[in-house]
Amino acid sequence: MTAASRESEDNFWQKLILPEEDRRSLFPGMASVVSARRWFRSPNVVDLLRYRRRRASDNSEGQQA
């Protein structure tokens, strides 16, 4: 999957799913649901899955050289 297609897919899901901050304020009694599709409006939150993928690809490229 290319970066552009992944970004367009993320934008699609962000239209359907509330950001985590809004879900917690609207449904305070509901336990936090752990899922692959979770996003935050805050710019300081790091997406660990993307970070790990990028780090893994950087490491594999370094080993090939």
Protein backbone atom coordinates (compact mmCIF):
# COMPACT_ATOMS: atom_id res chain seq x y z
CA MET A 1 0.00 0.00 0.00
CA THR A 2 1.43 3.36 -0.94
CA ALA A 3 1.62 6.31 1.41
CA ALA A 4 -0.98 8.25 -0.61
CA SER A 5 -3.51 5.41 -0.55
CA ARG A 6 -2.92 4.84 3.17
CA GLU A 7 -3.52 8.55 3.83
CA SER A 8 -6.75 8.55 1.81
CA GLU A 9 -7.92 5.44 3.70
CA ASP A 10 -7.14 7.16 7.02
CA ASN A 11 -9.11 10.23 5.93
CA PHE A 12 -12.07 8.01 5.03
CA TRP A 13 -12.10 6.33 8.44
CA GLN A 14 -11.67 9.65 10.25
CA LYS A 15 -14.96 10.81 8.71
CA LEU A 16 -16.72 7.75 10.16
CA ILE A 17 -15.08 7.40 13.58
CA LEU A 18 -15.06 10.02 16.32
CA PRO A 19 -11.69 11.11 17.66
CA GLU A 20 -10.74 9.49 20.95
CA GLU A 21 -11.03 12.78 22.87
CA ASP A 22 -14.65 13.24 21.73
CA ARG A 23 -15.61 9.63 22.42
CA ARG A 24 -14.32 9.85 25.98
CA SER A 25 -16.19 13.10 26.66
CA LEU A 26 -19.47 11.91 25.07
CA PHE A 27 -19.40 8.42 26.61
CA PRO A 28 -17.52 8.72 29.92
CA GLY A 29 -18.83 5.44 31.38
CA MET A 30 -17.86 3.39 28.37
CA ALA A 31 -14.59 1.52 28.64
CA SER A 32 -11.97 2.47 26.09
CA VAL A 33 -12.28 0.17 23.11
CA VAL A 34 -8.98 -1.04 21.74
CA SER A 35 -9.14 -1.22 17.98
CA ALA A 36 -6.98 -0.65 14.96
CA ARG A 37 -9.10 2.33 13.93
CA ARG A 38 -8.53 4.89 16.63
CA TRP A 39 -7.37 8.42 16.05
CA PHE A 40 -6.70 11.57 18.02
CA ARG A 41 -7.33 15.16 17.04
CA SER A 42 -4.31 16.30 19.05
CA PRO A 43 -1.21 16.85 16.89
CA ASN A 44 1.18 15.65 19.62
CA VAL A 45 -0.05 12.03 19.61
CA VAL A 46 2.28 9.63 17.78
CA ASP A 47 0.74 6.77 15.82
CA LEU A 48 2.83 3.87 17.12
CA LEU A 49 1.91 1.52 14.29
CA ARG A 50 3.17 3.98 11.69
CA TYR A 51 6.25 4.72 13.77
CA ARG A 52 7.08 1.02 14.09
CA ARG A 53 6.48 0.36 10.37
CA ARG A 54 8.69 3.30 9.41
CA ARG A 55 11.37 2.25 11.86
CA ALA A 56 11.27 -1.34 10.57
CA SER A 57 11.53 -0.20 6.95
CA ASP A 58 14.41 2.14 7.82
CA ASN A 59 16.23 -0.72 9.52
CA SER A 60 15.69 -3.10 6.61
CA GLU A 61 16.96 -0.50 4.12
CA GLY A 62 20.05 0.08 6.25
CA GLN A 63 20.82 -3.63 6.33
CA GLN A 64 20.59 -3.93 2.53
CA ALA A 65 23.26 -1.26 1.94
